[in-house]
């Protein structure tokens, strides 16, 4: 017998801007009390207006966590102080581990058309916050899709989807937080059951269509926090539904954040600032 997760709380998306003025909607992390351990922030950027995104995200630092960027539409380029360059096109993912420090830019490579996607901030445990920085670009072709029992498909970005028909493993798996990151496309009026590890914190982000959990509607473009259990049981509406299902093992550690630095103590934040200002950022 499975224990379906219930809809516990909704964090609505809040209009904001970041970088050099890129307009976006922030749900998880819109305020410090709206984090979902181990997740610190979820932004959706979605616009057809070039003036909303052309300024991009010029060079800026990060320390102490990971960023996961998932593009739906548009073209973004990443460059960092380690000499890495990566391009993100529709369906691509970048998984960056800032750890002890990285300075990077994320700039649009288009002057017109739609720019749409998500950036998730995933916390690192204290023991891993000062490990070397790294990142990987995951092309869309390397992200497996699987039919959902009940009707629809799942893109498996992180973790694994276990069904009677088989197991689909994403390009990112394991780690301390054991993250799960699925992009679910549920057929019109279909009901699907998706396994989620018991004990992991989980939420759904509905970005197209309509859907409900236990007959309770999910808010569009808001983070729907789920109770504990071992499965998500969700029903799509008449137009179908597209949503992110994100889960991870909580760290149960103190979080002290100052902008792009996320550590465990105030002293560590002060050290991050000192390292950045002295030019030692990202060094051992």
C-alpha atoms as a PDB file:
ATOM      1  CA  UNK A   1       0.000   0.000   0.000  1.00  0.00           C
ATOM      2  CA  UNK A   2       1.262   3.453  -0.882  1.00  0.00           C
ATOM      3  CA  UNK A   3       0.762   6.530   1.276  1.00  0.00           C
ATOM      4  CA  UNK A   4      -0.169   9.440  -1.012  1.00  0.00           C
ATOM      5  CA  UNK A   5       1.214  12.818  -0.085  1.00  0.00           C
ATOM      6  CA  UNK A   6      -1.295  15.561   0.638  1.00  0.00           C
ATOM      7  CA  UNK A   7      -1.246  19.242  -0.264  1.00  0.00           C
ATOM      8  CA  UNK A   8       0.064  20.942   2.883  1.00  0.00           C
ATOM      9  CA  UNK A   9       0.779  24.566   1.961  1.00  0.00           C
ATOM     10  CA  UNK A  10       1.126  26.785  -1.105  1.00  0.00           C
ATOM     11  CA  UNK A  11       3.828  29.404  -1.560  1.00  0.00           C
ATOM     12  CA  UNK A  12       2.583  31.750  -4.309  1.00  0.00           C
ATOM     13  CA  UNK A  13       5.060  33.073  -6.838  1.00  0.00           C
ATOM     14  CA  UNK A  14       6.091  36.669  -6.100  1.00  0.00           C
ATOM     15  CA  UNK A  15       7.086  39.006  -8.949  1.00  0.00           C
ATOM     16  CA  UNK A  16      10.668  40.191  -8.495  1.00  0.00           C
ATOM     17  CA  UNK A  17      13.825  40.894 -10.465  1.00  0.00           C
ATOM     18  CA  UNK A  18      17.415  39.730 -10.192  1.00  0.00           C
ATOM     19  CA  UNK A  19      20.713  40.102 -11.982  1.00  0.00           C
ATOM     20  CA  UNK A  20      20.697  43.320 -14.008  1.00  0.00           C
ATOM     21  CA  UNK A  21      16.920  43.544 -13.906  1.00  0.00           C
ATOM     22  CA  UNK A  22      15.651  40.217 -15.251  1.00  0.00           C
ATOM     23  CA  UNK A  23      11.986  39.834 -14.353  1.00  0.00           C
ATOM     24  CA  UNK A  24      11.001  36.566 -12.696  1.00  0.00           C
ATOM     25  CA  UNK A  25       8.634  34.916 -10.233  1.00  0.00           C
ATOM     26  CA  UNK A  26      10.026  33.573  -6.932  1.00  0.00           C
ATOM     27  CA  UNK A  27       8.152  31.093  -4.740  1.00  0.00           C
ATOM     28  CA  UNK A  28      10.488  29.019  -2.543  1.00  0.00           C
ATOM     29  CA  UNK A  29      12.811  31.533  -0.882  1.00  0.00           C
ATOM     30  CA  UNK A  30      10.667  34.596  -1.520  1.00  0.00           C
ATOM     31  CA  UNK A  31      11.291  35.240   2.193  1.00  0.00           C
ATOM     32  CA  UNK A  32      13.729  33.493   4.587  1.00  0.00           C
ATOM     33  CA  UNK A  33      10.892  31.596   6.286  1.00  0.00           C
ATOM     34  CA  UNK A  34       9.708  30.157   2.967  1.00  0.00           C
ATOM     35  CA  UNK A  35      12.567  27.717   2.400  1.00  0.00           C
ATOM     36  CA  UNK A  36      11.918  23.973   2.119  1.00  0.00           C
ATOM     37  CA  UNK A  37      14.975  22.131   3.462  1.00  0.00           C
ATOM     38  CA  UNK A  38      17.203  21.379   1.519  1.00  0.00           C
ATOM     39  CA  UNK A  39      15.810  23.800  -1.110  1.00  0.00           C
ATOM     40  CA  UNK A  40      16.619  27.472  -0.715  1.00  0.00           C
ATOM     41  CA  UNK A  41      14.920  29.117  -3.693  1.00  0.00           C
ATOM     42  CA  UNK A  42      12.950  28.471  -6.873  1.00  0.00           C
ATOM     43  CA  UNK A  43      12.693  31.113  -9.589  1.00  0.00           C
ATOM     44  CA  UNK A  44      10.697  30.912 -12.810  1.00  0.00           C
ATOM     45  CA  UNK A  45      11.623  33.299 -15.600  1.00  0.00           C
ATOM     46  CA  UNK A  46       8.956  33.531 -18.303  1.00  0.00           C
ATOM     47  CA  UNK A  47       8.565  36.392 -20.758  1.00  0.00           C
ATOM     48  CA  UNK A  48       8.162  37.159 -24.441  1.00  0.00           C
ATOM     49  CA  UNK A  49       9.504  40.693 -23.947  1.00  0.00           C
ATOM     50  CA  UNK A  50      13.264  41.072 -24.623  1.00  0.00           C
ATOM     51  CA  UNK A  51      13.430  44.099 -22.317  1.00  0.00           C
ATOM     52  CA  UNK A  52      12.592  41.753 -19.427  1.00  0.00           C
ATOM     53  CA  UNK A  53      15.690  39.580 -19.909  1.00  0.00           C
ATOM     54  CA  UNK A  54      18.291  41.192 -22.209  1.00  0.00           C
ATOM     55  CA  UNK A  55      20.389  42.605 -19.329  1.00  0.00           C
ATOM     56  CA  UNK A  56      20.880  39.068 -18.029  1.00  0.00           C
ATOM     57  CA  UNK A  57      22.893  38.095 -14.969  1.00  0.00           C
ATOM     58  CA  UNK A  58      26.372  39.675 -15.181  1.00  0.00           C
ATOM     59  CA  UNK A  59      29.291  38.212 -13.199  1.00  0.00           C
ATOM     60  CA  UNK A  60      28.337  37.449  -9.588  1.00  0.00           C
ATOM     61  CA  UNK A  61      29.557  35.068  -6.841  1.00  0.00           C
ATOM     62  CA  UNK A  62      28.027  32.058  -5.094  1.00  0.00           C
ATOM     63  CA  UNK A  63      29.184  29.961  -2.161  1.00  0.00           C
ATOM     64  CA  UNK A  64      27.755  27.065  -0.144  1.00  0.00           C
ATOM     65  CA  UNK A  65      25.078  25.538  -2.388  1.00  0.00           C
ATOM     66  CA  UNK A  66      24.164  24.259  -5.853  1.00  0.00           C
ATOM     67  CA  UNK A  67      22.194  25.925  -8.635  1.00  0.00           C
ATOM     68  CA  UNK A  68      20.081  23.946 -11.100  1.00  0.00           C
ATOM     69  CA  UNK A  69      19.006  25.816 -14.234  1.00  0.00           C
ATOM     70  CA  UNK A  70      16.406  24.188 -16.497  1.00  0.00           C
ATOM     71  CA  UNK A  71      15.567  25.875 -19.794  1.00  0.00           C
ATOM     72  CA  UNK A  72      12.208  25.447 -21.500  1.00  0.00           C
ATOM     73  CA  UNK A  73      12.585  28.164 -24.156  1.00  0.00           C
ATOM     74  CA  UNK A  74      15.443  30.409 -25.194  1.00  0.00           C
ATOM     75  CA  UNK A  75      19.242  30.358 -25.136  1.00  0.00           C
ATOM     76  CA  UNK A  76      21.454  31.294 -22.187  1.00  0.00           C
ATOM     77  CA  UNK A  77      25.252  31.157 -21.900  1.00  0.00           C
ATOM     78  CA  UNK A  78      27.228  30.499 -18.717  1.00  0.00           C
ATOM     79  CA  UNK A  79      30.817  31.651 -18.121  1.00  0.00           C
ATOM     80  CA  UNK A  80      32.781  31.389 -14.883  1.00  0.00           C
ATOM     81  CA  UNK A  81      36.131  32.379 -13.403  1.00  0.00           C
ATOM     82  CA  UNK A  82      37.367  28.782 -13.716  1.00  0.00           C
ATOM     83  CA  UNK A  83      37.324  29.139 -17.504  1.00  0.00           C
ATOM     84  CA  UNK A  84      34.159  27.147 -18.122  1.00  0.00           C
ATOM     85  CA  UNK A  85      31.663  28.133 -20.802  1.00  0.00           C
ATOM     86  CA  UNK A  86      28.359  26.404 -21.358  1.00  0.00           C
ATOM     87  CA  UNK A  87      25.295  26.990 -23.520  1.00  0.00           C
ATOM     88  CA  UNK A  88      21.754  26.203 -22.443  1.00  0.00           C
ATOM     89  CA  UNK A  89      19.091  25.678 -25.102  1.00  0.00           C
ATOM     90  CA  UNK A  90      15.487  24.408 -24.771  1.00  0.00           C
ATOM     91  CA  UNK A  91      15.325  21.266 -22.638  1.00  0.00           C
ATOM     92  CA  UNK A  92      18.904  21.600 -21.347  1.00  0.00           C
ATOM     93  CA  UNK A  93      19.982  21.639 -17.692  1.00  0.00           C
ATOM     94  CA  UNK A  94      23.008  23.078 -15.942  1.00  0.00           C
ATOM     95  CA  UNK A  95      23.882  21.634 -12.533  1.00  0.00           C
ATOM     96  CA  UNK A  96      26.433  23.892 -10.845  1.00  0.00           C
ATOM     97  CA  UNK A  97      28.029  23.167  -7.479  1.00  0.00           C
ATOM     98  CA  UNK A  98      29.236  26.524  -6.213  1.00  0.00           C
ATOM     99  CA  UNK A  99      30.649  24.998  -3.003  1.00  0.00           C
ATOM    100  CA  UNK A 100      33.640  27.074  -1.797  1.00  0.00           C
ATOM    101  CA  UNK A 101      33.109  29.646  -4.483  1.00  0.00           C
ATOM    102  CA  UNK A 102      32.419  30.431  -8.081  1.00  0.00           C
ATOM    103  CA  UNK A 103      32.010  33.716  -9.953  1.00  0.00           C
ATOM    104  CA  UNK A 104      29.884  33.341 -13.052  1.00  0.00           C
ATOM    105  CA  UNK A 105      27.629  35.126 -15.492  1.00  0.00           C
ATOM    106  CA  UNK A 106      24.430  33.935 -17.182  1.00  0.00           C
ATOM    107  CA  UNK A 107      23.672  35.965 -20.272  1.00  0.00           C
ATOM    108  CA  UNK A 108      20.924  35.583 -22.898  1.00  0.00           C
ATOM    109  CA  UNK A 109      22.082  34.665 -26.403  1.00  0.00           C
ATOM    110  CA  UNK A 110      18.994  36.053 -28.143  1.00  0.00           C
ATOM    111  CA  UNK A 111      17.571  39.491 -28.796  1.00  0.00           C
ATOM    112  CA  UNK A 112      13.959  38.469 -29.338  1.00  0.00           C
ATOM    113  CA  UNK A 113      11.557  35.631 -28.613  1.00  0.00           C
ATOM    114  CA  UNK A 114      10.543  33.790 -25.467  1.00  0.00           C
ATOM    115  CA  UNK A 115      12.878  33.159 -22.547  1.00  0.00           C
ATOM    116  CA  UNK A 116      11.500  30.618 -20.104  1.00  0.00           C
ATOM    117  CA  UNK A 117      12.910  28.313 -17.490  1.00  0.00           C
ATOM    118  CA  UNK A 118      13.670  27.726 -13.834  1.00  0.00           C
ATOM    119  CA  UNK A 119      16.531  28.071 -11.401  1.00  0.00           C
ATOM    120  CA  UNK A 120      16.562  26.033  -8.202  1.00  0.00           C
ATOM    121  CA  UNK A 121      18.978  26.575  -5.311  1.00  0.00           C
ATOM    122  CA  UNK A 122      19.859  23.345  -3.501  1.00  0.00           C
ATOM    123  CA  UNK A 123      21.697  23.595  -0.187  1.00  0.00           C
ATOM    124  CA  UNK A 124      24.912  21.711   0.546  1.00  0.00           C
ATOM    125  CA  UNK A 125      25.661  20.127   3.933  1.00  0.00           C
ATOM    126  CA  UNK A 126      28.252  21.800   6.145  1.00  0.00           C
ATOM    127  CA  UNK A 127      30.841  19.136   5.322  1.00  0.00           C
ATOM    128  CA  UNK A 128      30.581  19.923   1.580  1.00  0.00           C
ATOM    129  CA  UNK A 129      30.222  23.710   1.499  1.00  0.00           C
ATOM    130  CA  UNK A 130      33.963  24.267   1.008  1.00  0.00           C
ATOM    131  CA  UNK A 131      34.722  21.521  -1.495  1.00  0.00           C
ATOM    132  CA  UNK A 132      35.968  22.551  -4.963  1.00  0.00           C
ATOM    133  CA  UNK A 133      33.425  24.181  -7.261  1.00  0.00           C
ATOM    134  CA  UNK A 134      32.245  22.294 -10.347  1.00  0.00           C
ATOM    135  CA  UNK A 135      29.479  22.264 -12.908  1.00  0.00           C
ATOM    136  CA  UNK A 136      28.054  20.158 -15.690  1.00  0.00           C
ATOM    137  CA  UNK A 137      25.885  20.947 -18.659  1.00  0.00           C
ATOM    138  CA  UNK A 138      23.287  18.261 -19.379  1.00  0.00           C
ATOM    139  CA  UNK A 139      21.983  18.418 -22.962  1.00  0.00           C
ATOM    140  CA  UNK A 140      18.307  17.709 -23.472  1.00  0.00           C
ATOM    141  CA  UNK A 141      19.152  14.502 -25.373  1.00  0.00           C
ATOM    142  CA  UNK A 142      20.781  13.087 -22.226  1.00  0.00           C
ATOM    143  CA  UNK A 143      17.661  13.552 -20.076  1.00  0.00           C
ATOM    144  CA  UNK A 144      15.519  10.411 -20.297  1.00  0.00           C
ATOM    145  CA  UNK A 145      11.738  10.438 -20.575  1.00  0.00           C
ATOM    146  CA  UNK A 146       9.389   7.671 -19.499  1.00  0.00           C
ATOM    147  CA  UNK A 147       5.657   7.074 -19.941  1.00  0.00           C
ATOM    148  CA  UNK A 148       3.678   7.614 -16.736  1.00  0.00           C
ATOM    149  CA  UNK A 149       1.344   4.899 -15.576  1.00  0.00           C
ATOM    150  CA  UNK A 150      -2.069   6.523 -16.003  1.00  0.00           C
ATOM    151  CA  UNK A 151      -1.226   8.833 -18.906  1.00  0.00           C
ATOM    152  CA  UNK A 152       1.585  11.253 -19.610  1.00  0.00           C
ATOM    153  CA  UNK A 153       5.373  11.393 -19.519  1.00  0.00           C
ATOM    154  CA  UNK A 154       8.116  12.311 -17.071  1.00  0.00           C
ATOM    155  CA  UNK A 155      11.490  13.868 -17.866  1.00  0.00           C
ATOM    156  CA  UNK A 156      13.833  12.501 -15.219  1.00  0.00           C
ATOM    157  CA  UNK A 157      16.472  15.155 -14.514  1.00  0.00           C
ATOM    158  CA  UNK A 158      17.591  13.890 -11.103  1.00  0.00           C
ATOM    159  CA  UNK A 159      16.848  10.750  -9.108  1.00  0.00           C
ATOM    160  CA  UNK A 160      14.995   7.791 -10.482  1.00  0.00           C
ATOM    161  CA  UNK A 161      11.442   6.990 -11.496  1.00  0.00           C
ATOM    162  CA  UNK A 162      10.427   3.503 -10.375  1.00  0.00           C
ATOM    163  CA  UNK A 163       7.327   2.012 -12.027  1.00  0.00           C
ATOM    164  CA  UNK A 164       6.024  -1.478 -12.732  1.00  0.00           C
ATOM    165  CA  UNK A 165       7.220  -1.025 -16.302  1.00  0.00           C
ATOM    166  CA  UNK A 166      10.810  -0.345 -15.233  1.00  0.00           C
ATOM    167  CA  UNK A 167      13.237   2.108 -13.663  1.00  0.00           C
ATOM    168  CA  UNK A 168      14.324   5.354 -15.352  1.00  0.00           C
ATOM    169  CA  UNK A 169      17.483   6.917 -13.925  1.00  0.00           C
ATOM    170  CA  UNK A 170      18.278  10.594 -14.418  1.00  0.00           C
ATOM    171  CA  UNK A 171      21.732  11.978 -15.235  1.00  0.00           C
ATOM    172  CA  UNK A 172      22.066  13.255 -11.638  1.00  0.00           C
ATOM    173  CA  UNK A 173      21.604  10.810  -8.781  1.00  0.00           C
ATOM    174  CA  UNK A 174      22.651  10.191  -5.196  1.00  0.00           C
ATOM    175  CA  UNK A 175      24.529  12.671  -3.050  1.00  0.00           C
ATOM    176  CA  UNK A 176      23.792  13.764   0.491  1.00  0.00           C
ATOM    177  CA  UNK A 177      20.426  15.316  -0.339  1.00  0.00           C
ATOM    178  CA  UNK A 178      19.498  12.579  -2.869  1.00  0.00           C
ATOM    179  CA  UNK A 179      17.536  15.062  -5.012  1.00  0.00           C
ATOM    180  CA  UNK A 180      14.601  14.140  -7.226  1.00  0.00           C
ATOM    181  CA  UNK A 181      13.735  16.505 -10.083  1.00  0.00           C
ATOM    182  CA  UNK A 182      11.025  15.480 -12.563  1.00  0.00           C
ATOM    183  CA  UNK A 183       9.232  17.479 -15.245  1.00  0.00           C
ATOM    184  CA  UNK A 184       5.797  15.826 -15.406  1.00  0.00           C
ATOM    185  CA  UNK A 185       3.503  16.168 -18.427  1.00  0.00           C
ATOM    186  CA  UNK A 186       0.145  14.683 -17.407  1.00  0.00           C
ATOM    187  CA  UNK A 187      -2.528  13.967 -20.019  1.00  0.00           C
ATOM    188  CA  UNK A 188      -5.927  15.642 -19.848  1.00  0.00           C
ATOM    189  CA  UNK A 189      -8.086  14.209 -17.031  1.00  0.00           C
ATOM    190  CA  UNK A 190      -5.447  11.559 -16.275  1.00  0.00           C
ATOM    191  CA  UNK A 191      -4.469  10.521 -12.748  1.00  0.00           C
ATOM    192  CA  UNK A 192      -0.889   9.436 -12.151  1.00  0.00           C
ATOM    193  CA  UNK A 193       0.998   8.090  -9.153  1.00  0.00           C
ATOM    194  CA  UNK A 194       4.681   8.998  -8.904  1.00  0.00           C
ATOM    195  CA  UNK A 195       6.893   7.434  -6.199  1.00  0.00           C
ATOM    196  CA  UNK A 196       8.669   9.844  -3.835  1.00  0.00           C
ATOM    197  CA  UNK A 197      10.970   8.618  -1.054  1.00  0.00           C
ATOM    198  CA  UNK A 198       9.347   8.797   2.372  1.00  0.00           C
ATOM    199  CA  UNK A 199      11.093  11.286   4.646  1.00  0.00           C
ATOM    200  CA  UNK A 200      12.149  13.573   1.790  1.00  0.00           C
ATOM    201  CA  UNK A 201      10.679  17.062   1.656  1.00  0.00           C
ATOM    202  CA  UNK A 202       8.806  17.545  -1.601  1.00  0.00           C
ATOM    203  CA  UNK A 203       6.847  20.116  -3.559  1.00  0.00           C
ATOM    204  CA  UNK A 204       5.106  20.502  -6.909  1.00  0.00           C
ATOM    205  CA  UNK A 205       5.317  23.559  -9.153  1.00  0.00           C
ATOM    206  CA  UNK A 206       2.456  23.676 -11.680  1.00  0.00           C
ATOM    207  CA  UNK A 207       3.510  25.822 -14.637  1.00  0.00           C
ATOM    208  CA  UNK A 208       0.882  24.957 -17.268  1.00  0.00           C
ATOM    209  CA  UNK A 209      -2.676  23.670 -17.245  1.00  0.00           C
ATOM    210  CA  UNK A 210      -4.539  22.606 -14.122  1.00  0.00           C
ATOM    211  CA  UNK A 211      -4.294  19.775 -11.624  1.00  0.00           C
ATOM    212  CA  UNK A 212      -5.421  18.660  -8.200  1.00  0.00           C
ATOM    213  CA  UNK A 213      -4.190  16.573  -5.296  1.00  0.00           C
ATOM    214  CA  UNK A 214      -6.898  14.770  -3.305  1.00  0.00           C
ATOM    215  CA  UNK A 215      -9.458  16.943  -5.142  1.00  0.00           C
ATOM    216  CA  UNK A 216      -7.738  20.134  -3.950  1.00  0.00           C
ATOM    217  CA  UNK A 217      -6.652  22.375  -6.844  1.00  0.00           C
ATOM    218  CA  UNK A 218      -2.968  23.186  -7.174  1.00  0.00           C
ATOM    219  CA  UNK A 219      -2.254  26.888  -7.602  1.00  0.00           C
ATOM    220  CA  UNK A 220      -0.737  27.800 -10.965  1.00  0.00           C
ATOM    221  CA  UNK A 221       2.871  29.061 -10.735  1.00  0.00           C
ATOM    222  CA  UNK A 222       3.165  28.512  -6.999  1.00  0.00           C
ATOM    223  CA  UNK A 223       5.057  25.921  -4.963  1.00  0.00           C
ATOM    224  CA  UNK A 224       2.655  23.334  -3.552  1.00  0.00           C
ATOM    225  CA  UNK A 225       4.324  21.819  -0.475  1.00  0.00           C
ATOM    226  CA  UNK A 226       3.480  18.190   0.203  1.00  0.00           C
ATOM    227  CA  UNK A 227       3.060  16.189   3.394  1.00  0.00           C
ATOM    228  CA  UNK A 228       5.173  13.092   3.974  1.00  0.00           C
ATOM    229  CA  UNK A 229       4.342   9.867   2.156  1.00  0.00           C
ATOM    230  CA  UNK A 230       5.780   7.638  -0.534  1.00  0.00           C
ATOM    231  CA  UNK A 231       3.889   8.792  -3.634  1.00  0.00           C
ATOM    232  CA  UNK A 232       2.448  11.828  -5.376  1.00  0.00           C
ATOM    233  CA  UNK A 233      -1.089  11.113  -6.609  1.00  0.00           C
ATOM    234  CA  UNK A 234      -2.148  13.920  -8.927  1.00  0.00           C
ATOM    235  CA  UNK A 235      -4.983  14.394 -11.418  1.00  0.00           C
ATOM    236  CA  UNK A 236      -4.753  16.748 -14.390  1.00  0.00           C
ATOM    237  CA  UNK A 237      -7.606  18.951 -15.539  1.00  0.00           C
ATOM    238  CA  UNK A 238      -9.296  19.120 -18.930  1.00  0.00           C
ATOM    239  CA  UNK A 239      -6.312  20.774 -20.617  1.00  0.00           C
ATOM    240  CA  UNK A 240      -3.708  18.513 -19.042  1.00  0.00           C
ATOM    241  CA  UNK A 241      -0.919  19.719 -16.780  1.00  0.00           C
ATOM    242  CA  UNK A 242       2.816  20.365 -16.772  1.00  0.00           C
ATOM    243  CA  UNK A 243       4.572  20.549 -13.434  1.00  0.00           C
ATOM    244  CA  UNK A 244       7.878  20.108 -11.679  1.00  0.00           C
ATOM    245  CA  UNK A 245       8.094  17.529  -8.902  1.00  0.00           C
ATOM    246  CA  UNK A 246      11.091  18.254  -6.689  1.00  0.00           C
ATOM    247  CA  UNK A 247      12.149  16.388  -3.542  1.00  0.00           C
ATOM    248  CA  UNK A 248      15.227  15.959  -1.389  1.00  0.00           C
ATOM    249  CA  UNK A 249      16.516  14.663   1.918  1.00  0.00           C
ATOM    250  CA  UNK A 250      16.477  17.471   4.507  1.00  0.00           C
ATOM    251  CA  UNK A 251      19.779  18.511   6.071  1.00  0.00           C
ATOM    252  CA  UNK A 252      18.442  19.808   9.416  1.00  0.00           C
ATOM    253  CA  UNK A 253      21.288  22.328   9.621  1.00  0.00           C
ATOM    254  CA  UNK A 254      21.248  26.071  10.394  1.00  0.00           C
ATOM    255  CA  UNK A 255      21.025  28.314   7.344  1.00  0.00           C
ATOM    256  CA  UNK A 256      22.645  31.748   7.339  1.00  0.00           C
ATOM    257  CA  UNK A 257      22.229  33.542   4.023  1.00  0.00           C
ATOM    258  CA  UNK A 258      23.629  36.805   2.781  1.00  0.00           C
ATOM    259  CA  UNK A 259      22.594  37.256  -0.843  1.00  0.00           C
ATOM    260  CA  UNK A 260      24.538  34.722  -2.943  1.00  0.00           C
ATOM    261  CA  UNK A 261      26.323  33.185   0.083  1.00  0.00           C
ATOM    262  CA  UNK A 262      24.618  30.402   2.076  1.00  0.00           C
ATOM    263  CA  UNK A 263      26.528  29.053   5.063  1.00  0.00           C
ATOM    264  CA  UNK A 264      25.862  27.758   8.590  1.00  0.00           C
ATOM    265  CA  UNK A 265      27.175  30.648  10.707  1.00  0.00           C
ATOM    266  CA  UNK A 266      27.545  34.411  10.542  1.00  0.00           C
ATOM    267  CA  UNK A 267      31.313  34.043  10.850  1.00  0.00           C
ATOM    268  CA  UNK A 268      31.370  31.896   7.695  1.00  0.00           C
ATOM    269  CA  UNK A 269      29.409  34.575   5.842  1.00  0.00           C
ATOM    270  CA  UNK A 270      31.905  37.208   6.967  1.00  0.00           C
ATOM    271  CA  UNK A 271      34.724  34.981   5.718  1.00  0.00           C
ATOM    272  CA  UNK A 272      32.979  34.599   2.342  1.00  0.00           C
ATOM    273  CA  UNK A 273      32.728  38.366   2.014  1.00  0.00           C
ATOM    274  CA  UNK A 274      36.378  38.798   2.992  1.00  0.00           C
ATOM    275  CA  UNK A 275      37.487  36.145   0.495  1.00  0.00           C
ATOM    276  CA  UNK A 276      35.494  37.760  -2.294  1.00  0.00           C
ATOM    277  CA  UNK A 277      36.750  41.258  -1.550  1.00  0.00           C
ATOM    278  CA  UNK A 278      40.376  40.101  -1.306  1.00  0.00           C
ATOM    279  CA  UNK A 279      40.346  38.152  -4.564  1.00  0.00           C
ATOM    280  CA  UNK A 280      40.745  34.782  -2.836  1.00  0.00           C
ATOM    281  CA  UNK A 281      37.247  33.633  -3.668  1.00  0.00           C
ATOM    282  CA  UNK A 282      36.973  29.978  -4.675  1.00  0.00           C
ATOM    283  CA  UNK A 283      40.500  29.132  -3.559  1.00  0.00           C
ATOM    284  CA  UNK A 284      41.296  26.472  -0.960  1.00  0.00           C
END
